N, C-alpha and C. Protein backbone atom coordinates (compact mmCIF):
# COMPACT_ATOMS: atom_id res chain seq x y z
N UNK A 1 0.97 -0.95 -0.07
CA UNK A 1 -0.08 0.03 0.00
C UNK A 1 0.96 1.21 0.00
N UNK A 2 1.33 1.43 1.10
CA UNK A 2 2.17 2.88 1.56
C UNK A 2 3.74 2.12 1.81
N UNK A 3 4.33 2.52 0.00
CA UNK A 3 5.91 2.81 0.97
C UNK A 3 7.19 3.67 1.19
N UNK A 4 6.61 5.17 0.75
CA UNK A 4 7.22 6.03 1.56
C UNK A 4 6.22 7.32 1.52
N UNK A 5 6.63 7.55 3.05
CA UNK A 5 5.45 8.35 4.05
C UNK A 5 6.30 9.80 3.97
N UNK A 6 5.93 10.73 3.76
CA UNK A 6 6.02 12.16 4.37
C UNK A 6 5.69 12.71 5.73
N UNK A 7 6.34 12.38 6.70
CA UNK A 7 5.58 12.79 8.05
C UNK A 7 5.93 14.39 8.39
N UNK A 8 4.65 15.31 8.07
CA UNK A 8 5.08 16.47 8.87
C UNK A 8 4.80 16.67 10.11
N UNK A 9 6.06 17.21 11.00
CA UNK A 9 5.84 17.71 12.24
C UNK A 9 6.05 19.11 12.56
N UNK A 10 5.33 19.58 13.61
CA UNK A 10 5.40 21.21 13.99
C UNK A 10 5.80 21.28 15.53
N UNK A 11 6.13 20.08 15.99
CA UNK A 11 5.54 19.98 18.17
C UNK A 11 5.09 20.64 18.39
N UNK A 12 3.87 20.25 18.06
CA UNK A 12 2.37 20.49 18.38
C UNK A 12 2.14 19.05 19.07
N UNK A 13 1.18 18.74 19.90
CA UNK A 13 0.57 17.71 19.78
C UNK A 13 -0.07 16.79 18.92
N UNK A 14 -0.53 17.38 17.83
CA UNK A 14 -1.01 17.56 16.62
C UNK A 14 0.24 16.32 15.93
N UNK A 15 1.34 17.32 15.46
CA UNK A 15 2.36 16.75 15.17
C UNK A 15 3.11 15.25 15.92
N UNK A 16 2.82 15.02 17.07
CA UNK A 16 2.93 14.38 17.98
C UNK A 16 1.86 13.00 17.64
N UNK A 17 0.85 13.55 17.03
CA UNK A 17 -0.31 12.58 16.68
C UNK A 17 -0.03 12.14 15.17
N UNK A 18 0.66 12.60 14.28
CA UNK A 18 1.17 12.87 12.93
C UNK A 18 2.26 11.12 13.12
N UNK A 19 3.16 11.36 14.09
CA UNK A 19 3.89 10.32 14.20
C UNK A 19 3.52 9.20 14.54
N UNK A 20 2.67 9.05 15.62
CA UNK A 20 2.05 7.83 15.96
C UNK A 20 1.30 6.76 14.81
N UNK A 21 0.03 7.99 14.14
CA UNK A 21 -0.44 7.51 13.03
C UNK A 21 0.24 6.93 11.72
N UNK A 22 1.47 7.32 11.87
CA UNK A 22 2.51 6.66 10.88
C UNK A 22 3.79 5.66 11.12
N UNK A 23 4.00 5.69 12.05
CA UNK A 23 4.27 4.48 13.43
C UNK A 23 2.98 3.42 12.52
N UNK A 24 1.80 3.36 13.46
CA UNK A 24 1.54 2.78 12.71
C UNK A 24 1.03 1.94 11.83
N UNK A 25 1.03 2.93 10.41
CA UNK A 25 0.83 2.75 9.05
C UNK A 25 2.44 1.93 8.79
N UNK A 26 3.22 2.51 8.65
CA UNK A 26 4.23 2.03 8.66
C UNK A 26 4.99 0.58 9.28
N UNK A 27 4.13 0.28 10.45
CA UNK A 27 4.59 -1.11 10.65
C UNK A 27 3.33 -1.98 10.03
N UNK A 28 2.13 -1.38 9.25
CA UNK A 28 1.58 -2.32 8.66
C UNK A 28 1.69 -2.40 7.57
N UNK A 29 2.39 -1.88 6.87
CA UNK A 29 2.86 -1.89 5.37
C UNK A 29 3.99 -1.68 5.03
N UNK A 30 5.15 -1.69 6.42
CA UNK A 30 6.69 -1.41 5.63
C UNK A 30 6.99 -0.68 4.94
N UNK A 31 6.41 0.78 5.16
CA UNK A 31 6.77 1.56 4.61
C UNK A 31 8.08 2.78 5.91
N UNK A 32 9.04 3.37 4.82
CA UNK A 32 9.88 4.18 5.01
C UNK A 32 9.63 5.26 5.24
N UNK A 33 9.90 6.12 6.44
CA UNK A 33 9.03 7.46 6.73
C UNK A 33 10.24 8.74 6.38
N UNK A 34 9.98 9.50 5.90
CA UNK A 34 10.70 10.80 6.44
C UNK A 34 10.27 11.63 6.87
N UNK A 35 10.91 12.43 8.05
CA UNK A 35 10.53 13.12 8.92
C UNK A 35 11.03 14.98 8.54
N UNK A 36 9.78 15.32 8.65
CA UNK A 36 9.94 16.88 7.76
C UNK A 36 9.24 17.68 9.10
N UNK A 37 10.13 19.13 9.45
CA UNK A 37 9.57 19.75 10.01
C UNK A 37 10.29 21.30 9.26
N UNK A 38 8.78 22.30 9.20
CA UNK A 38 9.45 23.17 8.30
C UNK A 38 9.80 24.66 8.99
N UNK A 39 10.88 24.85 9.53
CA UNK A 39 10.90 25.73 10.14
C UNK A 39 10.69 27.28 9.51
N UNK A 40 9.27 27.86 10.48
CA UNK A 40 8.61 28.70 9.20
C UNK A 40 9.33 30.22 9.60
N UNK A 41 9.45 31.42 8.77
CA UNK A 41 9.70 32.49 8.45
C UNK A 41 8.62 33.57 7.88
N UNK A 42 8.77 34.18 8.17
CA UNK A 42 7.66 35.75 7.89
C UNK A 42 8.85 36.88 7.59
N UNK A 43 8.35 37.47 6.94
CA UNK A 43 8.69 38.80 6.14
C UNK A 43 8.39 39.92 7.18
N UNK A 44 8.98 40.74 7.96
CA UNK A 44 9.30 42.09 8.70
C UNK A 44 9.73 43.22 7.85
N UNK A 45 8.68 43.98 7.68
CA UNK A 45 9.33 45.52 7.30
C UNK A 45 8.03 45.85 6.30
N UNK A 46 8.46 47.00 5.31
CA UNK A 46 7.81 47.45 4.24
C UNK A 46 8.45 47.41 3.39
N UNK A 47 7.53 48.33 2.64
CA UNK A 47 7.62 48.23 1.03
C UNK A 47 9.45 48.61 0.64
N UNK A 48 9.51 49.40 1.50
CA UNK A 48 11.25 49.74 1.32
C UNK A 48 12.24 48.93 2.19
N UNK A 49 11.61 48.47 2.91
CA UNK A 49 12.95 47.76 3.67
C UNK A 49 12.33 46.66 4.16
N UNK A 50 12.36 45.09 3.72
CA UNK A 50 12.09 44.14 4.68
C UNK A 50 12.98 42.88 5.17
N UNK A 51 13.28 42.21 5.86
CA UNK A 51 13.71 41.14 6.38
C UNK A 51 12.75 39.69 6.94
N UNK A 52 13.36 38.87 6.10
CA UNK A 52 12.55 37.72 6.57
C UNK A 52 13.41 37.07 7.96
N UNK A 53 12.37 36.76 8.87
CA UNK A 53 12.85 36.58 10.02
C UNK A 53 12.22 35.22 10.47
N UNK A 54 13.52 34.06 11.13
CA UNK A 54 12.62 33.19 11.82
C UNK A 54 11.96 33.26 12.65
N UNK A 55 10.79 32.25 12.59
CA UNK A 55 9.89 32.11 13.87
C UNK A 55 10.56 31.17 14.73
N UNK A 56 11.15 30.28 14.79
CA UNK A 56 11.98 29.83 15.88
C UNK A 56 13.00 28.93 16.02
N UNK A 57 13.80 28.96 16.87
CA UNK A 57 14.74 28.82 16.93
C UNK A 57 15.90 27.43 15.71
N UNK A 58 17.09 27.38 15.47
CA UNK A 58 16.69 26.17 14.93
C UNK A 58 17.61 25.01 15.75
N UNK A 59 17.49 25.76 16.86
CA UNK A 59 17.86 24.39 17.88
C UNK A 59 16.21 23.67 17.91
N UNK A 60 15.11 24.26 18.09
CA UNK A 60 13.79 24.03 18.31
C UNK A 60 13.16 23.01 17.24
N UNK A 61 13.68 23.39 16.01
CA UNK A 61 13.49 22.64 15.08
C UNK A 61 13.91 20.90 14.94
N UNK A 62 15.21 21.23 15.37
CA UNK A 62 16.42 20.59 14.68
C UNK A 62 15.25 19.19 15.94
N UNK A 63 15.24 19.78 17.00
CA UNK A 63 14.96 18.56 18.36
C UNK A 63 13.63 18.17 17.85
N UNK A 64 12.70 19.10 17.52
CA UNK A 64 11.19 18.24 16.75
C UNK A 64 11.41 17.42 15.94
N UNK A 65 12.51 17.20 15.04
CA UNK A 65 12.83 16.29 13.98
C UNK A 65 13.47 14.95 14.48
N UNK A 66 14.38 15.26 15.62
CA UNK A 66 15.14 14.44 16.05
C UNK A 66 14.29 13.54 16.42
N UNK A 67 13.52 14.12 17.78
CA UNK A 67 12.58 13.05 18.63
C UNK A 67 11.61 12.13 17.64
N UNK A 68 11.26 12.99 16.79
CA UNK A 68 10.17 12.26 15.69
C UNK A 68 11.15 10.33 15.02
N UNK A 69 11.91 10.99 14.78
CA UNK A 69 12.83 10.18 14.03
C UNK A 69 13.26 8.61 15.48
N UNK A 70 13.70 9.25 16.07
CA UNK A 70 13.94 8.57 17.35
C UNK A 70 12.83 7.44 17.41
N UNK A 71 11.94 8.10 17.87
CA UNK A 71 10.16 7.56 17.99
C UNK A 71 10.43 6.68 16.89
N UNK A 72 10.28 6.72 16.00
CA UNK A 72 10.02 6.03 15.01
C UNK A 72 10.83 4.74 14.35
N UNK A 73 12.46 5.04 14.69
CA UNK A 73 13.34 4.08 14.74
C UNK A 73 13.27 3.04 16.09
N UNK A 74 12.95 3.08 17.10
CA UNK A 74 12.70 2.93 18.05
C UNK A 74 11.42 1.75 18.28
N UNK A 75 10.40 2.73 17.18
CA UNK A 75 9.28 0.84 16.65
C UNK A 75 9.91 0.40 15.13
N UNK A 76 11.67 0.13 15.07
CA UNK A 76 11.71 -0.64 14.00
C UNK A 76 11.57 -0.18 12.92
N UNK A 77 11.07 1.49 12.57
CA UNK A 77 10.33 1.49 11.19
C UNK A 77 11.94 2.35 10.75
N UNK A 78 12.27 2.26 9.29
CA UNK A 78 13.32 3.14 8.90
C UNK A 78 12.78 4.27 8.77
N UNK A 79 13.62 5.35 9.02
CA UNK A 79 13.13 6.81 9.65
C UNK A 79 14.19 7.69 9.02
N UNK A 80 13.63 8.63 8.29
CA UNK A 80 15.04 9.87 8.36
C UNK A 80 14.60 10.89 8.93
N UNK A 81 15.25 11.89 8.96
CA UNK A 81 14.29 13.78 9.28
C UNK A 81 15.63 14.64 8.45
N UNK A 82 14.41 16.01 7.98
CA UNK A 82 15.19 16.89 7.59
C UNK A 82 14.46 18.23 8.52
N UNK A 83 14.76 19.39 8.31
CA UNK A 83 14.48 20.38 8.59
C UNK A 83 14.54 21.24 7.63
N UNK A 84 13.62 21.80 7.22
CA UNK A 84 13.49 22.76 5.56
C UNK A 84 13.30 24.24 6.24
N UNK A 85 13.51 25.69 5.19
CA UNK A 85 12.79 26.62 5.79
C UNK A 85 11.71 27.37 5.25
N UNK A 86 11.24 28.07 5.41
CA UNK A 86 10.23 28.34 4.05
C UNK A 86 9.31 29.70 4.90
N UNK A 87 8.50 30.43 4.17
CA UNK A 87 7.53 31.72 4.48
C UNK A 87 6.33 30.82 5.22
N UNK A 88 5.79 31.07 5.86
CA UNK A 88 4.26 30.39 6.56
C UNK A 88 3.28 30.44 5.16
N UNK A 89 3.74 31.45 4.13
CA UNK A 89 2.95 31.68 2.81
C UNK A 89 3.48 30.33 2.11
N UNK A 90 4.41 29.70 2.21
CA UNK A 90 5.04 28.71 1.32
C UNK A 90 5.20 26.70 1.48
N UNK A 91 4.37 27.11 2.98
CA UNK A 91 4.22 25.30 3.91
C UNK A 91 4.53 24.67 3.26
N UNK A 92 2.51 24.54 2.52
CA UNK A 92 2.00 23.84 2.12
C UNK A 92 3.02 23.01 0.37
N UNK A 93 3.25 24.36 -0.42
CA UNK A 93 3.50 24.11 -1.52
C UNK A 93 5.43 23.55 -1.12
N UNK A 94 6.11 23.74 -0.06
CA UNK A 94 7.26 23.18 0.31
C UNK A 94 6.93 21.50 0.29
N UNK A 95 5.84 21.18 1.53
CA UNK A 95 5.88 20.07 1.61
C UNK A 95 5.32 18.86 0.67
N UNK A 96 4.51 19.58 -0.43
CA UNK A 96 4.19 18.64 -1.54
C UNK A 96 5.29 18.27 -2.90
N UNK A 97 6.14 19.78 -2.81
CA UNK A 97 7.47 19.59 -3.35
C UNK A 97 8.39 19.11 -3.03
N UNK A 98 8.59 18.97 -2.19
CA UNK A 98 9.50 18.00 -1.53
C UNK A 98 8.93 16.14 -1.16
N UNK A 99 7.69 16.28 -1.02
CA UNK A 99 7.49 14.94 -1.18
C UNK A 99 7.34 13.90 -2.60
N UNK A 100 7.20 15.26 -3.60
CA UNK A 100 7.19 14.92 -5.24
C UNK A 100 8.99 14.26 -5.21
N UNK A 101 9.56 14.93 -4.58
CA UNK A 101 11.17 15.23 -5.16
C UNK A 101 11.50 13.10 -4.51
N UNK A 102 10.89 13.14 -3.05
CA UNK A 102 11.41 11.60 -2.35
C UNK A 102 10.30 10.32 -2.43
N UNK A 103 9.45 11.22 -4.24
CA UNK A 103 8.63 9.78 -4.25
C UNK A 103 7.62 9.04 -3.27
N UNK A 104 7.37 10.47 -2.26
CA UNK A 104 6.36 9.97 -1.23
C UNK A 104 5.18 9.01 -1.91
N UNK A 105 4.57 8.21 -1.09
CA UNK A 105 3.22 8.03 -1.79
C UNK A 105 1.76 8.64 -0.61
N UNK A 106 2.81 8.95 0.44
CA UNK A 106 1.50 9.53 1.55
C UNK A 106 1.92 10.53 2.25
N UNK A 107 1.56 12.12 2.29
CA UNK A 107 1.61 13.08 2.87
C UNK A 107 1.01 13.03 4.23
N UNK A 108 1.35 12.67 5.37
CA UNK A 108 0.69 13.13 6.79
C UNK A 108 1.01 14.20 7.45
N UNK A 109 0.22 15.36 7.78
CA UNK A 109 0.02 16.66 8.30
C UNK A 109 -0.82 16.80 9.33
N UNK A 110 -0.61 17.28 10.21
CA UNK A 110 -1.89 17.65 11.56
C UNK A 110 -2.71 19.22 11.22
N UNK A 111 -3.98 18.95 11.26
CA UNK A 111 -4.96 20.37 11.66
C UNK A 111 -4.29 21.84 11.39
N UNK A 112 -4.75 22.26 10.81
CA UNK A 112 -3.69 24.16 11.13
C UNK A 112 -4.50 24.45 13.16
N UNK A 113 -3.88 25.11 13.28
CA UNK A 113 -4.31 25.43 14.60
C UNK A 113 -4.58 26.72 14.82
N UNK A 114 -4.75 27.69 13.74
CA UNK A 114 -4.84 28.96 14.05
C UNK A 114 -5.98 29.29 14.03
N UNK A 115 -7.20 29.83 14.81
CA UNK A 115 -8.55 30.28 14.90
C UNK A 115 -8.05 31.81 15.11
N UNK A 116 -9.61 32.24 14.56
CA UNK A 116 -9.79 33.55 14.55
C UNK A 116 -8.86 34.85 13.32
N UNK A 117 -8.61 35.92 13.99
CA UNK A 117 -8.22 36.45 13.19
C UNK A 117 -6.32 36.11 12.75
N UNK A 118 -5.45 35.31 13.47
CA UNK A 118 -4.78 34.63 13.22
C UNK A 118 -5.26 33.37 12.07
N UNK A 119 -6.19 32.73 12.03
CA UNK A 119 -6.58 31.51 10.83
C UNK A 119 -6.70 32.32 9.54
N UNK A 120 -7.09 34.03 9.62
CA UNK A 120 -7.58 34.35 8.63
C UNK A 120 -5.91 34.78 7.83
N UNK A 121 -5.34 35.30 8.70
CA UNK A 121 -3.92 36.01 8.30
C UNK A 121 -2.56 34.85 7.96
N UNK A 122 -2.63 33.70 8.51
CA UNK A 122 -2.04 32.28 8.52
C UNK A 122 -2.75 31.56 7.55
N UNK A 123 -2.09 31.01 6.28
CA UNK A 123 -3.20 30.08 5.27
C UNK A 123 -3.24 28.52 6.25
N UNK A 124 -3.61 27.69 5.83
CA UNK A 124 -3.74 26.68 6.49
C UNK A 124 -2.87 25.80 5.45
N UNK A 125 -2.12 25.01 6.43
CA UNK A 125 -1.32 24.39 6.02
C UNK A 125 -1.42 22.96 5.59
N UNK A 126 -2.47 22.23 6.27
CA UNK A 126 -3.25 21.41 5.82
C UNK A 126 -4.30 21.39 4.58
N UNK A 127 -5.20 22.00 4.57
CA UNK A 127 -5.99 22.68 3.79
C UNK A 127 -4.81 22.40 2.31
N UNK A 128 -4.06 23.77 1.97
CA UNK A 128 -2.61 23.54 0.98
C UNK A 128 -2.35 22.74 0.34
N UNK A 129 -1.87 21.67 1.62
CA UNK A 129 -1.45 20.64 1.36
C UNK A 129 -2.40 19.63 0.35
N UNK A 130 -3.84 19.16 0.82
CA UNK A 130 -4.64 18.68 0.29
C UNK A 130 -5.20 19.19 -0.93
N UNK A 131 -5.35 20.33 -1.71
CA UNK A 131 -5.29 21.06 -2.76
C UNK A 131 -4.19 20.49 -3.74
N UNK A 132 -3.24 20.67 -3.31
CA UNK A 132 -2.02 20.68 -4.31
C UNK A 132 -1.43 19.38 -4.53
N UNK A 133 -1.27 18.21 -3.75
CA UNK A 133 -0.59 17.42 -3.39
C UNK A 133 -1.16 16.35 -4.47
N UNK A 134 -0.07 15.20 -4.89
CA UNK A 134 -0.28 14.23 -6.18
C UNK A 134 -0.46 13.44 -5.12
N UNK A 135 -0.15 12.86 -4.30
CA UNK A 135 -0.76 11.52 -3.75
C UNK A 135 -1.42 11.78 -2.65
N UNK A 136 -1.78 10.84 -1.25
CA UNK A 136 -2.68 10.88 -1.09
C UNK A 136 -2.67 11.52 0.09
N UNK A 137 -3.27 12.13 1.34
CA UNK A 137 -2.83 13.15 2.04
C UNK A 137 -3.85 12.41 3.68
N UNK A 138 -3.10 12.47 4.43
CA UNK A 138 -3.62 11.61 5.75
C UNK A 138 -3.53 12.89 6.79
N UNK A 139 -4.90 13.63 7.45
CA UNK A 139 -5.21 14.68 8.21
C UNK A 139 -5.21 13.76 9.93
N UNK A 140 -4.20 14.10 10.81
CA UNK A 140 -4.18 13.21 11.62
C UNK A 140 -4.39 14.79 13.22
N UNK A 141 -5.65 14.37 13.53
CA UNK A 141 -5.69 15.03 14.52
C UNK A 141 -5.24 14.51 16.35
N UNK A 142 -5.45 15.56 17.15
CA UNK A 142 -4.26 15.09 17.95
C UNK A 142 -5.88 14.87 19.22
N UNK A 143 -5.87 14.10 19.95
CA UNK A 143 -6.74 13.93 20.92
C UNK A 143 -6.58 14.99 21.81
N UNK A 144 -7.90 15.67 21.97
CA UNK A 144 -7.07 17.18 23.06
C UNK A 144 -8.63 17.03 24.02
N UNK A 145 -8.33 16.92 25.61
CA UNK A 145 -8.74 16.64 26.41
C UNK A 145 -10.05 17.90 26.80
């Protein structure tokens, strides 16, 4: 069924749920898993001068990926991981391009977690991935109390 899964993690409970779901699928199908975390950046400034600023520290990004890969490998799953960088508006495109480059046949993502005004300002990555992906997309929700 699935041979190569791209698992997008973000350090939230939804990212942890993605890893759990992907672990179950990979054990069932023997799939390899590529974990990816995209360190988001945003443009700060105006029309004359602007700067691209990372939203999180690179150490935090690496920790998110390393923990997910360790969890998968601990289950006997072939897994590797990477940290990419991109503007918030480009995250869905980066994920789908990476899935294409890797030959992934499934992209696993968590749902967007912005609401209200933030939801209007930040595009939904999961919706964007589902719209443009050339492969199946698994949307994984975390159990929240």
